[in-house]
Amino acid sequence: MVQGAAIQYNRGDGLSSNVRSPKDDEEELKAHLAILRGQSKSLKEVLSEMVDGEPTEALVEAVENRILLAQEQEESIDLEKIVESIQKMQSSWV
């Protein structure tokens, strides 16, 4: 499970679909507090909003793996671009 990732996703409100690790301890603490207060969403819920429906388990797992890789490499990724890329790849396999 992806932990400690800051996901900003709000389609249509001008926010990016950026995913990155917390920049400092304070940001990580805020993320954990939001989770404890029920103010956060699971990756599956975020993906459901992005794809306007129930994402496949394969999509959720592929996105989660890409987020984990980005965390290891201390890089930021664009979640929307990752999802589009994975969906395109999956549809070419069918």
N, C-alpha and C. Protein backbone atom coordinates (compact mmCIF):
# COMPACT_ATOMS: atom_id res chain seq x y z
N MET A 1 0.84 -1.19 0.00
CA MET A 1 0.00 0.00 0.00
C MET A 1 0.88 1.24 0.00
N VAL A 2 0.48 2.23 -0.76
CA VAL A 2 1.22 3.49 -0.85
C VAL A 2 1.00 4.27 0.44
N GLN A 3 2.09 4.63 1.09
CA GLN A 3 1.99 5.43 2.30
C GLN A 3 2.91 6.62 2.17
N GLY A 4 2.49 7.73 2.74
CA GLY A 4 3.34 8.91 2.74
C GLY A 4 3.40 9.64 1.41
N ALA A 5 2.49 9.32 0.51
CA ALA A 5 2.48 10.04 -0.77
C ALA A 5 1.47 11.17 -0.69
N ALA A 6 1.87 12.31 -1.13
CA ALA A 6 0.96 13.45 -1.19
C ALA A 6 0.36 13.47 -2.58
N ILE A 7 -0.93 13.25 -2.67
CA ILE A 7 -1.60 13.22 -3.96
C ILE A 7 -2.51 14.43 -4.05
N GLN A 8 -2.26 15.26 -5.04
CA GLN A 8 -3.15 16.39 -5.31
C GLN A 8 -3.90 16.04 -6.58
N TYR A 9 -5.21 15.85 -6.44
CA TYR A 9 -5.99 15.56 -7.63
C TYR A 9 -7.34 16.21 -7.48
N ASN A 10 -7.67 17.08 -8.38
CA ASN A 10 -8.98 17.72 -8.38
C ASN A 10 -9.27 18.19 -9.79
N ARG A 11 -9.77 17.30 -10.58
CA ARG A 11 -10.03 17.59 -11.99
C ARG A 11 -10.98 18.76 -12.13
N GLY A 12 -10.58 19.74 -12.93
CA GLY A 12 -11.44 20.86 -13.22
C GLY A 12 -11.28 22.06 -12.31
N ASP A 13 -10.54 21.92 -11.24
CA ASP A 13 -10.38 23.04 -10.31
C ASP A 13 -9.00 23.68 -10.41
N GLY A 14 -8.25 23.35 -11.43
CA GLY A 14 -6.97 23.97 -11.63
C GLY A 14 -5.83 23.34 -10.85
N LEU A 15 -6.12 22.35 -10.02
CA LEU A 15 -5.04 21.67 -9.30
C LEU A 15 -4.46 20.59 -10.18
N SER A 16 -3.22 20.29 -9.95
CA SER A 16 -2.58 19.26 -10.75
C SER A 16 -2.91 17.88 -10.20
N SER A 17 -2.52 16.86 -10.94
CA SER A 17 -2.67 15.49 -10.48
C SER A 17 -1.28 14.99 -10.08
N ASN A 18 -0.59 15.81 -9.32
CA ASN A 18 0.78 15.57 -8.93
C ASN A 18 0.86 14.60 -7.75
N VAL A 19 1.81 13.68 -7.81
CA VAL A 19 2.05 12.74 -6.73
C VAL A 19 3.51 12.83 -6.35
N ARG A 20 3.76 13.00 -5.07
CA ARG A 20 5.14 13.07 -4.59
C ARG A 20 5.18 12.69 -3.12
N SER A 21 6.37 12.44 -2.63
CA SER A 21 6.55 12.18 -1.21
C SER A 21 6.42 13.50 -0.45
N PRO A 22 6.05 13.43 0.84
CA PRO A 22 5.99 14.66 1.63
C PRO A 22 7.35 15.36 1.64
N LYS A 23 7.32 16.70 1.59
CA LYS A 23 8.58 17.43 1.52
C LYS A 23 9.27 17.55 2.87
N ASP A 24 8.52 17.39 3.96
CA ASP A 24 9.14 17.47 5.29
C ASP A 24 8.26 16.73 6.30
N ASP A 25 8.74 16.67 7.53
CA ASP A 25 8.02 15.95 8.59
C ASP A 25 6.66 16.56 8.87
N GLU A 26 6.56 17.88 8.78
CA GLU A 26 5.29 18.55 9.04
C GLU A 26 4.24 18.15 8.01
N GLU A 27 4.64 18.10 6.74
CA GLU A 27 3.70 17.71 5.69
C GLU A 27 3.28 16.24 5.85
N GLU A 28 4.22 15.41 6.24
CA GLU A 28 3.90 13.99 6.46
C GLU A 28 2.92 13.84 7.63
N LEU A 29 3.13 14.60 8.70
CA LEU A 29 2.23 14.57 9.85
C LEU A 29 0.83 15.03 9.45
N LYS A 30 0.75 16.09 8.65
CA LYS A 30 -0.56 16.58 8.19
C LYS A 30 -1.28 15.51 7.37
N ALA A 31 -0.54 14.79 6.54
CA ALA A 31 -1.14 13.73 5.73
C ALA A 31 -1.68 12.62 6.63
N HIS A 32 -0.91 12.24 7.63
CA HIS A 32 -1.35 11.18 8.54
C HIS A 32 -2.57 11.62 9.35
N LEU A 33 -2.59 12.87 9.77
CA LEU A 33 -3.75 13.39 10.50
C LEU A 33 -5.00 13.40 9.63
N ALA A 34 -4.84 13.75 8.37
CA ALA A 34 -5.97 13.75 7.45
C ALA A 34 -6.52 12.34 7.29
N ILE A 35 -5.63 11.37 7.22
CA ILE A 35 -6.06 9.97 7.11
C ILE A 35 -6.84 9.56 8.36
N LEU A 36 -6.29 9.89 9.53
CA LEU A 36 -6.95 9.53 10.79
C LEU A 36 -8.32 10.20 10.94
N ARG A 37 -8.47 11.39 10.40
CA ARG A 37 -9.74 12.13 10.49
C ARG A 37 -10.72 11.71 9.40
N GLY A 38 -10.31 10.82 8.53
CA GLY A 38 -11.19 10.40 7.45
C GLY A 38 -11.30 11.42 6.34
N GLN A 39 -10.31 12.31 6.24
CA GLN A 39 -10.33 13.37 5.24
C GLN A 39 -9.53 13.02 3.99
N SER A 40 -9.16 11.78 3.87
CA SER A 40 -8.39 11.39 2.70
C SER A 40 -9.14 10.32 1.93
N LYS A 41 -8.67 10.03 0.74
CA LYS A 41 -9.28 9.01 -0.09
C LYS A 41 -8.24 7.95 -0.41
N SER A 42 -8.72 6.76 -0.63
CA SER A 42 -7.82 5.69 -1.05
C SER A 42 -7.42 5.94 -2.51
N LEU A 43 -6.36 5.29 -2.92
CA LEU A 43 -5.93 5.40 -4.32
C LEU A 43 -7.05 4.92 -5.24
N LYS A 44 -7.74 3.88 -4.85
CA LYS A 44 -8.83 3.35 -5.67
C LYS A 44 -9.95 4.39 -5.83
N GLU A 45 -10.25 5.13 -4.76
CA GLU A 45 -11.27 6.17 -4.85
C GLU A 45 -10.84 7.30 -5.79
N VAL A 46 -9.58 7.69 -5.69
CA VAL A 46 -9.06 8.75 -6.57
C VAL A 46 -9.11 8.28 -8.03
N LEU A 47 -8.69 7.04 -8.26
CA LEU A 47 -8.72 6.51 -9.62
C LEU A 47 -10.15 6.40 -10.14
N SER A 48 -11.09 6.05 -9.27
CA SER A 48 -12.50 5.97 -9.68
C SER A 48 -12.99 7.32 -10.21
N GLU A 49 -12.58 8.39 -9.55
CA GLU A 49 -12.96 9.74 -10.01
C GLU A 49 -12.31 10.05 -11.35
N MET A 50 -11.07 9.61 -11.51
CA MET A 50 -10.33 9.92 -12.74
C MET A 50 -10.90 9.19 -13.95
N VAL A 51 -11.30 7.93 -13.76
CA VAL A 51 -11.76 7.12 -14.89
C VAL A 51 -13.28 7.07 -14.97
N ASP A 52 -13.96 7.83 -14.11
CA ASP A 52 -15.42 7.88 -14.10
C ASP A 52 -16.05 6.50 -13.98
N GLY A 53 -15.55 5.71 -13.07
CA GLY A 53 -16.09 4.37 -12.84
C GLY A 53 -15.14 3.57 -11.98
N GLU A 54 -15.45 2.32 -11.83
CA GLU A 54 -14.64 1.42 -11.00
C GLU A 54 -13.36 1.04 -11.75
N PRO A 55 -12.18 1.38 -11.19
CA PRO A 55 -10.93 0.98 -11.86
C PRO A 55 -10.69 -0.50 -11.66
N THR A 56 -10.01 -1.11 -12.60
CA THR A 56 -9.66 -2.52 -12.44
C THR A 56 -8.57 -2.65 -11.39
N GLU A 57 -8.50 -3.83 -10.81
CA GLU A 57 -7.45 -4.08 -9.81
C GLU A 57 -6.07 -3.96 -10.47
N ALA A 58 -5.98 -4.36 -11.73
CA ALA A 58 -4.71 -4.26 -12.46
C ALA A 58 -4.27 -2.81 -12.57
N LEU A 59 -5.23 -1.91 -12.84
CA LEU A 59 -4.90 -0.49 -12.94
C LEU A 59 -4.44 0.05 -11.59
N VAL A 60 -5.18 -0.28 -10.54
CA VAL A 60 -4.82 0.19 -9.20
C VAL A 60 -3.42 -0.29 -8.82
N GLU A 61 -3.15 -1.55 -9.08
CA GLU A 61 -1.84 -2.12 -8.74
C GLU A 61 -0.72 -1.48 -9.56
N ALA A 62 -0.96 -1.27 -10.85
CA ALA A 62 0.05 -0.66 -11.72
C ALA A 62 0.35 0.78 -11.28
N VAL A 63 -0.68 1.54 -10.95
CA VAL A 63 -0.48 2.93 -10.51
C VAL A 63 0.24 2.94 -9.17
N GLU A 64 -0.17 2.06 -8.26
CA GLU A 64 0.49 1.99 -6.96
C GLU A 64 1.98 1.67 -7.11
N ASN A 65 2.30 0.74 -7.99
CA ASN A 65 3.70 0.39 -8.22
C ASN A 65 4.49 1.57 -8.78
N ARG A 66 3.86 2.34 -9.66
CA ARG A 66 4.54 3.51 -10.24
C ARG A 66 4.77 4.59 -9.19
N ILE A 67 3.79 4.76 -8.28
CA ILE A 67 3.95 5.73 -7.20
C ILE A 67 5.09 5.30 -6.27
N LEU A 68 5.13 4.01 -5.95
CA LEU A 68 6.20 3.51 -5.08
C LEU A 68 7.57 3.72 -5.72
N LEU A 69 7.67 3.48 -7.02
CA LEU A 69 8.93 3.71 -7.72
C LEU A 69 9.32 5.18 -7.66
N ALA A 70 8.35 6.05 -7.86
CA ALA A 70 8.62 7.49 -7.79
C ALA A 70 9.09 7.90 -6.40
N GLN A 71 8.51 7.31 -5.36
CA GLN A 71 8.94 7.61 -4.00
C GLN A 71 10.38 7.17 -3.79
N GLU A 72 10.71 5.98 -4.26
CA GLU A 72 12.08 5.47 -4.13
C GLU A 72 13.07 6.39 -4.83
N GLN A 73 12.68 6.91 -5.97
CA GLN A 73 13.56 7.77 -6.76
C GLN A 73 13.43 9.24 -6.40
N GLU A 74 12.60 9.52 -5.39
CA GLU A 74 12.38 10.89 -4.91
C GLU A 74 12.00 11.83 -6.04
N GLU A 75 11.04 11.37 -6.84
CA GLU A 75 10.57 12.19 -7.94
C GLU A 75 9.07 12.42 -7.81
N SER A 76 8.60 13.39 -8.52
CA SER A 76 7.19 13.72 -8.58
C SER A 76 6.65 13.19 -9.90
N ILE A 77 5.42 12.68 -9.90
CA ILE A 77 4.83 12.19 -11.15
C ILE A 77 3.45 12.82 -11.34
N ASP A 78 3.00 12.83 -12.57
CA ASP A 78 1.67 13.33 -12.91
C ASP A 78 0.75 12.11 -12.97
N LEU A 79 -0.11 11.98 -11.99
CA LEU A 79 -0.99 10.82 -11.87
C LEU A 79 -1.87 10.64 -13.10
N GLU A 80 -2.40 11.72 -13.62
CA GLU A 80 -3.28 11.63 -14.78
C GLU A 80 -2.53 11.06 -16.00
N LYS A 81 -1.30 11.50 -16.21
CA LYS A 81 -0.51 10.99 -17.33
C LYS A 81 -0.17 9.51 -17.14
N ILE A 82 0.12 9.14 -15.91
CA ILE A 82 0.43 7.72 -15.61
C ILE A 82 -0.78 6.85 -15.90
N VAL A 83 -1.96 7.28 -15.44
CA VAL A 83 -3.18 6.51 -15.66
C VAL A 83 -3.47 6.39 -17.16
N GLU A 84 -3.35 7.48 -17.90
CA GLU A 84 -3.58 7.43 -19.35
C GLU A 84 -2.63 6.46 -20.02
N SER A 85 -1.37 6.51 -19.62
CA SER A 85 -0.36 5.64 -20.21
C SER A 85 -0.65 4.16 -19.92
N ILE A 86 -1.02 3.86 -18.69
CA ILE A 86 -1.32 2.48 -18.31
C ILE A 86 -2.57 1.99 -19.04
N GLN A 87 -3.60 2.83 -19.10
CA GLN A 87 -4.82 2.43 -19.81
C GLN A 87 -4.55 2.17 -21.29
N LYS A 88 -3.74 3.00 -21.88
CA LYS A 88 -3.40 2.84 -23.31
C LYS A 88 -2.66 1.51 -23.51
N MET A 89 -1.72 1.20 -22.62
CA MET A 89 -0.97 -0.04 -22.70
C MET A 89 -1.91 -1.24 -22.50
N GLN A 90 -2.80 -1.15 -21.51
CA GLN A 90 -3.72 -2.24 -21.25
C GLN A 90 -4.66 -2.49 -22.43
N SER A 91 -5.11 -1.42 -23.06
CA SER A 91 -6.05 -1.60 -24.18
C SER A 91 -5.35 -2.20 -25.40
N SER A 92 -4.06 -1.97 -25.53
CA SER A 92 -3.34 -2.57 -26.65
C SER A 92 -3.09 -4.06 -26.44
N TRP A 93 -3.19 -4.51 -25.19
CA TRP A 93 -3.00 -5.94 -24.89
C TRP A 93 -4.27 -6.74 -25.14
N VAL A 94 -5.41 -6.06 -25.19
CA VAL A 94 -6.69 -6.77 -25.33
C VAL A 94 -6.95 -7.14 -26.76
